[in-house]
Amino acid sequence: MKAKNKDLKSLDQFIDEKVGKKGTPEREKFDNEYDTFKLGVLIQQAREKKGLTQEQLAELAGTNKSYISKLERNLKDIRFSTLQRIISDGLGGHLDISIKMD
């Protein structure tokens, strides 16, 4: 049996160390930016799973390719109504939202 690496850290420990503990302004900013990044990745994965190009998704959702590209690369904030259109009209999906309280 191998000995555990004492320097090995969990992702949460690493983020606490490098960014700050939960509740600090730095950590709140990081968490918000991560959520935006994650949304872009989810949109990209769903688009690719449907076999759509960015241009095709944009046309279905009533927006443009540049907007979809910026969303997928985390360069653009998204309006809720636009997100709904991209998911329902563009991807044929359903947006599921939850609120988590710490």
N, C-alpha and C. Protein backbone atom coordinates (compact mmCIF):
# COMPACT_ATOMS: atom_id res chain seq x y z
N MET A 1 0.84 -1.18 0.00
CA MET A 1 0.00 0.00 0.00
C MET A 1 0.89 1.25 0.00
N LYS A 2 0.53 2.21 -0.85
CA LYS A 2 1.31 3.44 -0.94
C LYS A 2 0.97 4.38 0.20
N ALA A 3 1.97 5.11 0.66
CA ALA A 3 1.74 6.14 1.68
C ALA A 3 1.06 7.33 1.02
N LYS A 4 0.18 8.01 1.73
CA LYS A 4 -0.49 9.19 1.20
C LYS A 4 0.49 10.34 1.10
N ASN A 5 0.33 11.13 0.07
CA ASN A 5 1.14 12.32 -0.11
C ASN A 5 0.61 13.39 0.84
N LYS A 6 1.41 13.78 1.79
CA LYS A 6 0.97 14.74 2.81
C LYS A 6 0.78 16.16 2.23
N ASP A 7 1.37 16.40 1.06
CA ASP A 7 1.23 17.71 0.44
C ASP A 7 0.01 17.80 -0.47
N LEU A 8 -0.65 16.67 -0.70
CA LEU A 8 -1.82 16.64 -1.57
C LEU A 8 -2.98 17.38 -0.91
N LYS A 9 -3.64 18.25 -1.71
CA LYS A 9 -4.75 19.06 -1.18
C LYS A 9 -5.98 18.83 -2.02
N SER A 10 -7.13 19.03 -1.40
CA SER A 10 -8.38 18.98 -2.15
C SER A 10 -8.49 20.27 -2.96
N LEU A 11 -9.40 20.26 -3.94
CA LEU A 11 -9.61 21.46 -4.74
C LEU A 11 -10.08 22.62 -3.86
N ASP A 12 -10.96 22.33 -2.91
CA ASP A 12 -11.43 23.39 -2.00
C ASP A 12 -10.29 23.98 -1.18
N GLN A 13 -9.41 23.13 -0.69
CA GLN A 13 -8.26 23.61 0.08
C GLN A 13 -7.36 24.49 -0.79
N PHE A 14 -7.13 24.04 -2.02
CA PHE A 14 -6.29 24.78 -2.95
C PHE A 14 -6.89 26.17 -3.23
N ILE A 15 -8.20 26.20 -3.51
CA ILE A 15 -8.86 27.48 -3.80
C ILE A 15 -8.85 28.38 -2.56
N ASP A 16 -9.10 27.82 -1.39
CA ASP A 16 -9.03 28.60 -0.14
C ASP A 16 -7.67 29.27 -0.01
N GLU A 17 -6.62 28.51 -0.31
CA GLU A 17 -5.25 29.01 -0.17
C GLU A 17 -4.91 30.07 -1.21
N LYS A 18 -5.28 29.81 -2.45
CA LYS A 18 -4.88 30.69 -3.55
C LYS A 18 -5.79 31.89 -3.75
N VAL A 19 -7.09 31.74 -3.45
CA VAL A 19 -8.06 32.80 -3.72
C VAL A 19 -8.57 33.43 -2.44
N GLY A 20 -8.87 32.61 -1.46
CA GLY A 20 -9.41 33.09 -0.19
C GLY A 20 -10.55 32.20 0.26
N LYS A 21 -10.86 32.28 1.52
CA LYS A 21 -11.93 31.47 2.11
C LYS A 21 -13.29 31.96 1.62
N LYS A 22 -14.29 31.07 1.66
CA LYS A 22 -15.65 31.44 1.29
C LYS A 22 -16.11 32.61 2.17
N GLY A 23 -16.79 33.54 1.54
CA GLY A 23 -17.27 34.72 2.26
C GLY A 23 -16.41 35.95 2.05
N THR A 24 -15.16 35.76 1.60
CA THR A 24 -14.31 36.92 1.34
C THR A 24 -14.66 37.50 -0.03
N PRO A 25 -14.43 38.78 -0.23
CA PRO A 25 -14.75 39.38 -1.53
C PRO A 25 -14.02 38.70 -2.70
N GLU A 26 -12.78 38.32 -2.48
CA GLU A 26 -12.01 37.67 -3.54
C GLU A 26 -12.64 36.33 -3.93
N ARG A 27 -13.07 35.57 -2.92
CA ARG A 27 -13.66 34.26 -3.18
C ARG A 27 -15.03 34.40 -3.85
N GLU A 28 -15.82 35.39 -3.43
CA GLU A 28 -17.12 35.63 -4.05
C GLU A 28 -16.94 35.95 -5.54
N LYS A 29 -15.97 36.80 -5.86
CA LYS A 29 -15.69 37.15 -7.25
C LYS A 29 -15.26 35.91 -8.02
N PHE A 30 -14.39 35.11 -7.45
CA PHE A 30 -13.93 33.88 -8.10
C PHE A 30 -15.10 32.93 -8.35
N ASP A 31 -15.93 32.72 -7.34
CA ASP A 31 -17.07 31.80 -7.47
C ASP A 31 -18.05 32.27 -8.55
N ASN A 32 -18.31 33.58 -8.60
CA ASN A 32 -19.21 34.12 -9.62
C ASN A 32 -18.65 33.95 -11.02
N GLU A 33 -17.35 34.21 -11.17
CA GLU A 33 -16.71 34.06 -12.47
C GLU A 33 -16.67 32.59 -12.88
N TYR A 34 -16.49 31.69 -11.92
CA TYR A 34 -16.47 30.27 -12.22
C TYR A 34 -17.84 29.81 -12.70
N ASP A 35 -18.90 30.30 -12.07
CA ASP A 35 -20.25 29.94 -12.50
C ASP A 35 -20.51 30.39 -13.93
N THR A 36 -20.05 31.59 -14.28
CA THR A 36 -20.21 32.10 -15.64
C THR A 36 -19.42 31.24 -16.63
N PHE A 37 -18.20 30.88 -16.25
CA PHE A 37 -17.37 30.00 -17.08
C PHE A 37 -18.06 28.66 -17.29
N LYS A 38 -18.59 28.10 -16.20
CA LYS A 38 -19.26 26.80 -16.26
C LYS A 38 -20.47 26.86 -17.19
N LEU A 39 -21.23 27.94 -17.14
CA LEU A 39 -22.39 28.09 -18.03
C LEU A 39 -21.96 28.07 -19.49
N GLY A 40 -20.88 28.77 -19.80
CA GLY A 40 -20.37 28.78 -21.17
C GLY A 40 -19.97 27.39 -21.64
N VAL A 41 -19.32 26.64 -20.76
CA VAL A 41 -18.92 25.27 -21.10
C VAL A 41 -20.14 24.39 -21.31
N LEU A 42 -21.15 24.53 -20.46
CA LEU A 42 -22.37 23.74 -20.61
C LEU A 42 -23.08 24.03 -21.93
N ILE A 43 -23.13 25.30 -22.31
CA ILE A 43 -23.75 25.67 -23.59
C ILE A 43 -22.96 25.06 -24.74
N GLN A 44 -21.64 25.17 -24.68
CA GLN A 44 -20.81 24.61 -25.74
C GLN A 44 -20.98 23.09 -25.85
N GLN A 45 -20.97 22.40 -24.71
CA GLN A 45 -21.13 20.94 -24.73
C GLN A 45 -22.49 20.53 -25.29
N ALA A 46 -23.54 21.25 -24.90
CA ALA A 46 -24.88 20.93 -25.41
C ALA A 46 -24.96 21.20 -26.91
N ARG A 47 -24.37 22.30 -27.35
CA ARG A 47 -24.38 22.63 -28.78
C ARG A 47 -23.66 21.54 -29.58
N GLU A 48 -22.49 21.14 -29.10
CA GLU A 48 -21.73 20.11 -29.80
C GLU A 48 -22.46 18.76 -29.79
N LYS A 49 -23.11 18.44 -28.68
CA LYS A 49 -23.87 17.19 -28.59
C LYS A 49 -25.00 17.17 -29.62
N LYS A 50 -25.61 18.33 -29.86
CA LYS A 50 -26.69 18.45 -30.85
C LYS A 50 -26.14 18.53 -32.28
N GLY A 51 -24.82 18.62 -32.41
CA GLY A 51 -24.21 18.69 -33.73
C GLY A 51 -24.39 20.03 -34.41
N LEU A 52 -24.52 21.08 -33.62
CA LEU A 52 -24.74 22.42 -34.16
C LEU A 52 -23.45 23.24 -34.16
N THR A 53 -23.31 24.09 -35.16
CA THR A 53 -22.24 25.08 -35.14
C THR A 53 -22.71 26.26 -34.30
N GLN A 54 -21.81 27.15 -33.97
CA GLN A 54 -22.20 28.36 -33.25
C GLN A 54 -23.16 29.18 -34.10
N GLU A 55 -22.91 29.22 -35.37
CA GLU A 55 -23.78 29.99 -36.28
C GLU A 55 -25.19 29.40 -36.33
N GLN A 56 -25.30 28.08 -36.39
CA GLN A 56 -26.61 27.44 -36.41
C GLN A 56 -27.37 27.68 -35.10
N LEU A 57 -26.67 27.55 -33.97
CA LEU A 57 -27.31 27.81 -32.68
C LEU A 57 -27.78 29.25 -32.60
N ALA A 58 -26.94 30.16 -33.03
CA ALA A 58 -27.30 31.58 -33.00
C ALA A 58 -28.55 31.85 -33.83
N GLU A 59 -28.63 31.26 -35.00
CA GLU A 59 -29.80 31.46 -35.87
C GLU A 59 -31.07 30.93 -35.20
N LEU A 60 -30.98 29.74 -34.62
CA LEU A 60 -32.14 29.15 -33.95
C LEU A 60 -32.59 29.98 -32.74
N ALA A 61 -31.63 30.58 -32.05
CA ALA A 61 -31.92 31.33 -30.83
C ALA A 61 -32.18 32.82 -31.08
N GLY A 62 -32.04 33.26 -32.31
CA GLY A 62 -32.30 34.66 -32.63
C GLY A 62 -31.21 35.60 -32.17
N THR A 63 -29.97 35.15 -32.25
CA THR A 63 -28.84 36.00 -31.89
C THR A 63 -27.79 35.82 -32.98
N ASN A 64 -26.53 36.16 -32.70
CA ASN A 64 -25.51 36.00 -33.74
C ASN A 64 -24.35 35.12 -33.24
N LYS A 65 -23.57 34.64 -34.19
CA LYS A 65 -22.47 33.72 -33.90
C LYS A 65 -21.47 34.34 -32.91
N SER A 66 -21.20 35.61 -33.08
CA SER A 66 -20.25 36.30 -32.21
C SER A 66 -20.70 36.24 -30.75
N TYR A 67 -22.00 36.41 -30.53
CA TYR A 67 -22.55 36.37 -29.17
C TYR A 67 -22.37 34.98 -28.57
N ILE A 68 -22.68 33.93 -29.34
CA ILE A 68 -22.53 32.56 -28.86
C ILE A 68 -21.06 32.28 -28.55
N SER A 69 -20.18 32.70 -29.42
CA SER A 69 -18.75 32.51 -29.22
C SER A 69 -18.27 33.18 -27.93
N LYS A 70 -18.71 34.39 -27.70
CA LYS A 70 -18.31 35.12 -26.49
C LYS A 70 -18.85 34.45 -25.23
N LEU A 71 -20.07 33.91 -25.31
CA LEU A 71 -20.62 33.19 -24.16
C LEU A 71 -19.79 31.95 -23.85
N GLU A 72 -19.47 31.21 -24.88
CA GLU A 72 -18.72 29.98 -24.69
C GLU A 72 -17.29 30.24 -24.18
N ARG A 73 -16.77 31.42 -24.47
CA ARG A 73 -15.42 31.76 -24.02
C ARG A 73 -15.42 32.64 -22.76
N ASN A 74 -16.59 32.78 -22.13
CA ASN A 74 -16.72 33.53 -20.89
C ASN A 74 -16.35 35.00 -21.05
N LEU A 75 -16.68 35.58 -22.18
CA LEU A 75 -16.34 36.98 -22.42
C LEU A 75 -17.55 37.90 -22.39
N LYS A 76 -18.72 37.34 -22.14
CA LYS A 76 -19.95 38.13 -22.23
C LYS A 76 -20.92 37.72 -21.14
N ASP A 77 -21.51 38.70 -20.48
CA ASP A 77 -22.61 38.42 -19.56
C ASP A 77 -23.84 38.10 -20.40
N ILE A 78 -24.74 37.33 -19.82
CA ILE A 78 -25.92 36.91 -20.58
C ILE A 78 -27.19 37.34 -19.86
N ARG A 79 -28.14 37.83 -20.62
CA ARG A 79 -29.45 38.14 -20.06
C ARG A 79 -30.22 36.85 -19.88
N PHE A 80 -31.05 36.80 -18.86
CA PHE A 80 -31.80 35.59 -18.57
C PHE A 80 -32.71 35.21 -19.74
N SER A 81 -33.36 36.19 -20.34
CA SER A 81 -34.26 35.90 -21.46
C SER A 81 -33.50 35.32 -22.65
N THR A 82 -32.29 35.81 -22.88
CA THR A 82 -31.47 35.28 -23.97
C THR A 82 -31.02 33.86 -23.67
N LEU A 83 -30.65 33.62 -22.42
CA LEU A 83 -30.26 32.26 -22.01
C LEU A 83 -31.42 31.30 -22.23
N GLN A 84 -32.62 31.70 -21.86
CA GLN A 84 -33.79 30.85 -22.07
C GLN A 84 -34.00 30.54 -23.56
N ARG A 85 -33.84 31.55 -24.42
CA ARG A 85 -34.00 31.35 -25.86
C ARG A 85 -32.94 30.41 -26.41
N ILE A 86 -31.70 30.56 -25.96
CA ILE A 86 -30.62 29.70 -26.44
C ILE A 86 -30.91 28.25 -26.06
N ILE A 87 -31.35 28.06 -24.83
CA ILE A 87 -31.58 26.69 -24.35
C ILE A 87 -32.84 26.09 -24.96
N SER A 88 -33.94 26.83 -24.97
CA SER A 88 -35.19 26.25 -25.47
C SER A 88 -35.27 26.26 -26.99
N ASP A 89 -35.12 27.42 -27.61
CA ASP A 89 -35.26 27.52 -29.06
C ASP A 89 -34.04 26.96 -29.81
N GLY A 90 -32.86 27.25 -29.27
CA GLY A 90 -31.63 26.84 -29.96
C GLY A 90 -31.25 25.39 -29.72
N LEU A 91 -31.35 24.96 -28.47
CA LEU A 91 -30.90 23.62 -28.12
C LEU A 91 -32.04 22.63 -27.91
N GLY A 92 -33.26 23.13 -27.85
CA GLY A 92 -34.40 22.26 -27.61
C GLY A 92 -34.40 21.68 -26.21
N GLY A 93 -33.82 22.41 -25.29
CA GLY A 93 -33.71 21.94 -23.91
C GLY A 93 -34.59 22.72 -22.95
N HIS A 94 -34.41 22.45 -21.69
CA HIS A 94 -35.17 23.09 -20.62
C HIS A 94 -34.19 23.61 -19.58
N LEU A 95 -34.35 24.85 -19.19
CA LEU A 95 -33.49 25.46 -18.18
C LEU A 95 -34.02 25.11 -16.80
N ASP A 96 -33.19 24.52 -15.99
CA ASP A 96 -33.55 24.14 -14.62
C ASP A 96 -32.74 25.01 -13.67
N ILE A 97 -33.42 25.74 -12.80
CA ILE A 97 -32.75 26.69 -11.91
C ILE A 97 -33.02 26.30 -10.46
N SER A 98 -32.02 26.47 -9.64
CA SER A 98 -32.21 26.25 -8.20
C SER A 98 -31.48 27.34 -7.44
N ILE A 99 -31.89 27.54 -6.23
CA ILE A 99 -31.24 28.48 -5.33
C ILE A 99 -30.68 27.69 -4.16
N LYS A 100 -29.38 27.87 -3.91
CA LYS A 100 -28.74 27.18 -2.80
C LYS A 100 -28.35 28.21 -1.75
N MET A 101 -28.69 27.93 -0.55
CA MET A 101 -28.34 28.81 0.56
C MET A 101 -27.22 28.17 1.38
N ASP A 102 -26.22 28.96 1.69
CA ASP A 102 -25.11 28.43 2.50
C ASP A 102 -25.48 28.33 3.95
